[in-house]
Amino acid sequence: MIEVNGYVFIANFSEFKFLFGKSKNNQDRIYENLETNGITAYTTVMEAEGGAQEFVEKVRDIKEVRTAKLEMRVAEDLKDLKKLKEESSLIVIMIYEEFKKKIESLYGPIIDNGKRYSSLPGAVIYCTNFKTFTHTEEYTAFERAMHLAEEIRRQGNLTARIATFNLEKIM
């Protein structure tokens, strides 16, 4: 099980909110989109705030930037997957390559009036205000996440992982 426990910043561009963590692929800056940095969070709040400050200085049209604590447990195999069966607050990570760069898109449920850009039974979490799969009267969070993971595999022939996701805004 991969554990992610650290800090990120959320960049709000009105319609979408993106998560940023520590830069892994770009030496020129200290922040990088969480989808392209291997889901790597900052170790401290101060590092996340420094990344947010640099981001604000370089990028325009930002409505708001906030730091947050991020905790995730990402299943790597069937043994790990079984540990998530009773969990709530789950997401699916769709893994693919684009322009020779590994992308790990975070998906949650489709929300009412939410943006959706594919035929998948889920939406990228930056379109859903970071909503996660939770239990409903009909299905568990795990069943809902598994359905999306199976559709990602079936429709896109891509790898998908299930993870817990807890994002707590700090300021």
C-alpha atoms as a PDB file:
ATOM      1  CA  MET A   1       0.000   0.000   0.000  1.00  0.00           C
ATOM      2  CA  ILE A   2       1.342   3.388  -0.989  1.00  0.00           C
ATOM      3  CA  GLU A   3       0.867   6.005   1.730  1.00  0.00           C
ATOM      4  CA  VAL A   4       0.626   9.692   0.865  1.00  0.00           C
ATOM      5  CA  ASN A   5       0.646  11.940   3.888  1.00  0.00           C
ATOM      6  CA  GLY A   6       1.602  15.561   3.427  1.00  0.00           C
ATOM      7  CA  TYR A   7       0.544  18.961   2.209  1.00  0.00           C
ATOM      8  CA  VAL A   8      -0.619  20.376  -1.117  1.00  0.00           C
ATOM      9  CA  PHE A   9      -2.088  23.596  -2.382  1.00  0.00           C
ATOM     10  CA  ILE A  10      -5.351  23.998  -4.229  1.00  0.00           C
ATOM     11  CA  ALA A  11      -5.422  26.487  -7.105  1.00  0.00           C
ATOM     12  CA  ASN A  12      -8.973  27.642  -7.817  1.00  0.00           C
ATOM     13  CA  PHE A  13      -9.566  28.837 -11.378  1.00  0.00           C
ATOM     14  CA  SER A  14     -13.325  29.485 -10.830  1.00  0.00           C
ATOM     15  CA  GLU A  15     -14.593  26.477 -12.752  1.00  0.00           C
ATOM     16  CA  PHE A  16     -11.824  24.044 -11.794  1.00  0.00           C
ATOM     17  CA  LYS A  17      -9.666  23.458  -8.734  1.00  0.00           C
ATOM     18  CA  PHE A  18      -6.292  21.797  -9.268  1.00  0.00           C
ATOM     19  CA  LEU A  19      -4.029  20.152  -6.693  1.00  0.00           C
ATOM     20  CA  PHE A  20      -0.304  20.873  -6.636  1.00  0.00           C
ATOM     21  CA  GLY A  21       2.516  19.229  -4.733  1.00  0.00           C
ATOM     22  CA  LYS A  22       6.295  19.043  -4.803  1.00  0.00           C
ATOM     23  CA  SER A  23       7.926  19.293  -8.239  1.00  0.00           C
ATOM     24  CA  LYS A  24       9.495  16.069  -9.496  1.00  0.00           C
ATOM     25  CA  ASN A  25       9.895  16.755 -13.223  1.00  0.00           C
ATOM     26  CA  ASN A  26      10.765  20.441 -13.456  1.00  0.00           C
ATOM     27  CA  GLN A  27      13.933  21.902 -11.921  1.00  0.00           C
ATOM     28  CA  ASP A  28      12.755  25.489 -12.548  1.00  0.00           C
ATOM     29  CA  ARG A  29       9.929  25.494  -9.999  1.00  0.00           C
ATOM     30  CA  ILE A  30       9.012  24.012  -6.632  1.00  0.00           C
ATOM     31  CA  TYR A  31       5.430  23.032  -7.509  1.00  0.00           C
ATOM     32  CA  GLU A  32       3.865  20.576  -9.950  1.00  0.00           C
ATOM     33  CA  ASN A  33       0.390  19.305 -10.672  1.00  0.00           C
ATOM     34  CA  LEU A  34      -0.339  16.281  -8.476  1.00  0.00           C
ATOM     35  CA  GLU A  35      -1.374  14.322 -11.594  1.00  0.00           C
ATOM     36  CA  THR A  36       2.130  14.528 -13.076  1.00  0.00           C
ATOM     37  CA  ASN A  37       4.407  14.439 -10.023  1.00  0.00           C
ATOM     38  CA  GLY A  38       3.665  10.873  -8.942  1.00  0.00           C
ATOM     39  CA  ILE A  39       1.155  12.138  -6.346  1.00  0.00           C
ATOM     40  CA  THR A  40       3.955  13.641  -4.283  1.00  0.00           C
ATOM     41  CA  ALA A  41       2.886  16.009  -1.518  1.00  0.00           C
ATOM     42  CA  TYR A  42       5.054  18.509   0.310  1.00  0.00           C
ATOM     43  CA  THR A  43       6.454  17.372   3.661  1.00  0.00           C
ATOM     44  CA  THR A  44       5.535  20.557   5.541  1.00  0.00           C
ATOM     45  CA  VAL A  45       2.889  23.271   5.419  1.00  0.00           C
ATOM     46  CA  MET A  46       5.649  25.863   4.898  1.00  0.00           C
ATOM     47  CA  GLU A  47       6.839  24.057   1.744  1.00  0.00           C
ATOM     48  CA  ALA A  48       3.257  23.990   0.408  1.00  0.00           C
ATOM     49  CA  GLU A  49       2.815  27.685   1.178  1.00  0.00           C
ATOM     50  CA  GLY A  50       6.114  28.444  -0.599  1.00  0.00           C
ATOM     51  CA  GLY A  51       4.938  26.509  -3.661  1.00  0.00           C
ATOM     52  CA  ALA A  52       1.610  28.341  -3.585  1.00  0.00           C
ATOM     53  CA  GLN A  53       3.362  31.710  -3.358  1.00  0.00           C
ATOM     54  CA  GLU A  54       5.613  30.912  -6.340  1.00  0.00           C
ATOM     55  CA  PHE A  55       2.584  29.655  -8.284  1.00  0.00           C
ATOM     56  CA  VAL A  56       0.629  32.876  -7.654  1.00  0.00           C
ATOM     57  CA  GLU A  57       3.601  34.947  -8.813  1.00  0.00           C
ATOM     58  CA  LYS A  58       3.847  33.051 -12.120  1.00  0.00           C
ATOM     59  CA  VAL A  59       0.234  32.215 -13.011  1.00  0.00           C
ATOM     60  CA  ARG A  60      -2.601  34.630 -13.702  1.00  0.00           C
ATOM     61  CA  ASP A  61      -6.381  34.238 -13.519  1.00  0.00           C
ATOM     62  CA  ILE A  62      -6.373  32.468 -10.164  1.00  0.00           C
ATOM     63  CA  LYS A  63      -9.417  33.045  -8.034  1.00  0.00           C
ATOM     64  CA  GLU A  64      -7.943  31.602  -4.829  1.00  0.00           C
ATOM     65  CA  VAL A  65      -5.073  29.455  -3.531  1.00  0.00           C
ATOM     66  CA  ARG A  66      -5.355  27.418  -0.326  1.00  0.00           C
ATOM     67  CA  THR A  67      -3.111  24.920   1.394  1.00  0.00           C
ATOM     68  CA  ALA A  68      -4.463  21.562   2.545  1.00  0.00           C
ATOM     69  CA  LYS A  69      -3.441  18.366   4.287  1.00  0.00           C
ATOM     70  CA  LEU A  70      -3.642  15.330   2.000  1.00  0.00           C
ATOM     71  CA  GLU A  71      -3.869  11.744   3.202  1.00  0.00           C
ATOM     72  CA  MET A  72      -4.173   8.832   0.797  1.00  0.00           C
ATOM     73  CA  ARG A  73      -3.697   5.075   0.856  1.00  0.00           C
ATOM     74  CA  VAL A  74      -3.293   3.693  -2.665  1.00  0.00           C
ATOM     75  CA  ALA A  75      -3.879  -0.014  -3.272  1.00  0.00           C
ATOM     76  CA  GLU A  76      -1.074  -1.633  -5.269  1.00  0.00           C
ATOM     77  CA  ASP A  77      -2.362  -5.220  -5.413  1.00  0.00           C
ATOM     78  CA  LEU A  78      -5.326  -7.445  -4.494  1.00  0.00           C
ATOM     79  CA  LYS A  79      -4.169  -7.771  -0.886  1.00  0.00           C
ATOM     80  CA  ASP A  80      -4.211  -3.975  -0.527  1.00  0.00           C
ATOM     81  CA  LEU A  81      -7.528  -3.740  -2.358  1.00  0.00           C
ATOM     82  CA  LYS A  82      -9.175  -6.042   0.195  1.00  0.00           C
ATOM     83  CA  LYS A  83      -8.101  -3.634   2.959  1.00  0.00           C
ATOM     84  CA  LEU A  84     -10.139  -0.864   1.308  1.00  0.00           C
ATOM     85  CA  LYS A  85     -13.416  -2.826   1.031  1.00  0.00           C
ATOM     86  CA  GLU A  86     -15.020  -1.242   4.099  1.00  0.00           C
ATOM     87  CA  GLU A  87     -13.588   2.249   3.558  1.00  0.00           C
ATOM     88  CA  SER A  88     -15.554   5.277   2.502  1.00  0.00           C
ATOM     89  CA  SER A  89     -14.122   8.390   0.841  1.00  0.00           C
ATOM     90  CA  LEU A  90     -12.533   6.514  -2.077  1.00  0.00           C
ATOM     91  CA  ILE A  91     -11.235   7.690  -5.432  1.00  0.00           C
ATOM     92  CA  VAL A  92      -9.955   5.940  -8.537  1.00  0.00           C
ATOM     93  CA  ILE A  93      -6.598   6.813 -10.072  1.00  0.00           C
ATOM     94  CA  MET A  94      -6.491   6.407 -13.851  1.00  0.00           C
ATOM     95  CA  ILE A  95      -2.892   5.917 -15.008  1.00  0.00           C
ATOM     96  CA  TYR A  96      -1.816   6.641 -18.569  1.00  0.00           C
ATOM     97  CA  GLU A  97       0.966   8.226 -20.570  1.00  0.00           C
ATOM     98  CA  GLU A  98       0.711  11.460 -22.519  1.00  0.00           C
ATOM     99  CA  PHE A  99       3.636  12.957 -24.445  1.00  0.00           C
ATOM    100  CA  LYS A 100       5.967  10.454 -22.720  1.00  0.00           C
ATOM    101  CA  LYS A 101       4.837  11.688 -19.301  1.00  0.00           C
ATOM    102  CA  LYS A 102       3.056   9.527 -16.735  1.00  0.00           C
ATOM    103  CA  ILE A 103      -0.322  10.976 -15.733  1.00  0.00           C
ATOM    104  CA  GLU A 104      -2.259   9.843 -12.671  1.00  0.00           C
ATOM    105  CA  SER A 105      -5.727  11.391 -12.933  1.00  0.00           C
ATOM    106  CA  LEU A 106      -7.828  11.315  -9.796  1.00  0.00           C
ATOM    107  CA  TYR A 107     -11.489  10.390 -10.328  1.00  0.00           C
ATOM    108  CA  GLY A 108     -14.540  10.546  -8.115  1.00  0.00           C
ATOM    109  CA  PRO A 109     -18.286  10.338  -8.694  1.00  0.00           C
ATOM    110  CA  ILE A 110     -20.198  12.461 -11.153  1.00  0.00           C
ATOM    111  CA  ILE A 111     -22.020  15.242  -9.330  1.00  0.00           C
ATOM    112  CA  ASP A 112     -25.253  16.938 -10.320  1.00  0.00           C
ATOM    113  CA  ASN A 113     -24.539  19.616 -12.924  1.00  0.00           C
ATOM    114  CA  GLY A 114     -20.879  18.634 -12.801  1.00  0.00           C
ATOM    115  CA  LYS A 115     -18.513  18.686 -15.746  1.00  0.00           C
ATOM    116  CA  ARG A 116     -17.886  15.380 -17.431  1.00  0.00           C
ATOM    117  CA  TYR A 117     -15.575  14.846 -20.368  1.00  0.00           C
ATOM    118  CA  SER A 118     -15.911  11.151 -21.109  1.00  0.00           C
ATOM    119  CA  SER A 119     -18.279   8.206 -21.097  1.00  0.00           C
ATOM    120  CA  LEU A 120     -16.809   6.942 -17.842  1.00  0.00           C
ATOM    121  CA  PRO A 121     -19.109   6.617 -14.803  1.00  0.00           C
ATOM    122  CA  GLY A 122     -16.979   9.128 -12.909  1.00  0.00           C
ATOM    123  CA  ALA A 123     -15.373  12.552 -13.208  1.00  0.00           C
ATOM    124  CA  VAL A 124     -11.942  14.010 -12.505  1.00  0.00           C
ATOM    125  CA  ILE A 125     -12.043  15.364  -8.979  1.00  0.00           C
ATOM    126  CA  TYR A 126     -11.000  18.866  -9.989  1.00  0.00           C
ATOM    127  CA  CYS A 127     -14.428  19.103 -11.677  1.00  0.00           C
ATOM    128  CA  THR A 128     -16.307  17.853  -8.598  1.00  0.00           C
ATOM    129  CA  ASN A 129     -14.788  19.957  -5.814  1.00  0.00           C
ATOM    130  CA  PHE A 130     -12.864  16.844  -4.693  1.00  0.00           C
ATOM    131  CA  LYS A 131     -15.960  14.734  -4.007  1.00  0.00           C
ATOM    132  CA  THR A 132     -15.181  11.081  -3.293  1.00  0.00           C
ATOM    133  CA  PHE A 133     -17.089   7.828  -3.527  1.00  0.00           C
ATOM    134  CA  THR A 134     -19.057   7.220  -0.345  1.00  0.00           C
ATOM    135  CA  HIS A 135     -21.605   4.617   0.692  1.00  0.00           C
ATOM    136  CA  THR A 136     -25.134   4.938  -0.697  1.00  0.00           C
ATOM    137  CA  GLU A 137     -28.274   2.954   0.094  1.00  0.00           C
ATOM    138  CA  GLU A 138     -27.600   0.734  -2.921  1.00  0.00           C
ATOM    139  CA  TYR A 139     -23.812   0.421  -3.103  1.00  0.00           C
ATOM    140  CA  THR A 140     -20.743   0.693  -0.921  1.00  0.00           C
ATOM    141  CA  ALA A 141     -18.049   3.226  -1.745  1.00  0.00           C
ATOM    142  CA  PHE A 142     -15.821   0.314  -2.727  1.00  0.00           C
ATOM    143  CA  GLU A 143     -18.388  -1.104  -5.182  1.00  0.00           C
ATOM    144  CA  ARG A 144     -18.842   2.306  -6.759  1.00  0.00           C
ATOM    145  CA  ALA A 145     -15.071   2.829  -7.103  1.00  0.00           C
ATOM    146  CA  MET A 146     -14.571  -0.705  -8.465  1.00  0.00           C
ATOM    147  CA  HIS A 147     -17.205  -0.080 -11.130  1.00  0.00           C
ATOM    148  CA  LEU A 148     -15.313   3.000 -12.327  1.00  0.00           C
ATOM    149  CA  ALA A 149     -11.948   1.178 -12.198  1.00  0.00           C
ATOM    150  CA  GLU A 150     -13.382  -1.682 -14.270  1.00  0.00           C
ATOM    151  CA  GLU A 151     -14.766   0.764 -16.852  1.00  0.00           C
ATOM    152  CA  ILE A 152     -11.395   2.531 -17.092  1.00  0.00           C
ATOM    153  CA  ARG A 153      -9.792  -0.834 -17.828  1.00  0.00           C
ATOM    154  CA  ARG A 154     -12.543  -1.903 -20.246  1.00  0.00           C
ATOM    155  CA  GLN A 155     -13.001   1.353 -22.172  1.00  0.00           C
ATOM    156  CA  GLY A 156      -9.464   2.652 -22.185  1.00  0.00           C
ATOM    157  CA  ASN A 157      -7.379  -0.466 -21.613  1.00  0.00           C
ATOM    158  CA  LEU A 158      -5.665   1.552 -18.883  1.00  0.00           C
ATOM    159  CA  THR A 159      -4.447   0.848 -15.384  1.00  0.00           C
ATOM    160  CA  ALA A 160      -6.636   2.009 -12.515  1.00  0.00           C
ATOM    161  CA  ARG A 161      -5.997   1.970  -8.775  1.00  0.00           C
ATOM    162  CA  ILE A 162      -8.353   2.581  -5.891  1.00  0.00           C
ATOM    163  CA  ALA A 163      -7.314   4.835  -3.010  1.00  0.00           C
ATOM    164  CA  THR A 164      -8.640   6.495   0.099  1.00  0.00           C
ATOM    165  CA  PHE A 165      -8.669  10.273  -0.219  1.00  0.00           C
ATOM    166  CA  ASN A 166      -8.862  12.823   2.553  1.00  0.00           C
ATOM    167  CA  LEU A 167      -8.243  16.498   1.792  1.00  0.00           C
ATOM    168  CA  GLU A 168      -8.486  18.910   4.715  1.00  0.00           C
ATOM    169  CA  LYS A 169      -8.193  22.607   3.848  1.00  0.00           C
ATOM    170  CA  ILE A 170      -5.964  24.560   6.210  1.00  0.00           C
ATOM    171  CA  MET A 171      -6.344  28.198   5.260  1.00  0.00           C
END
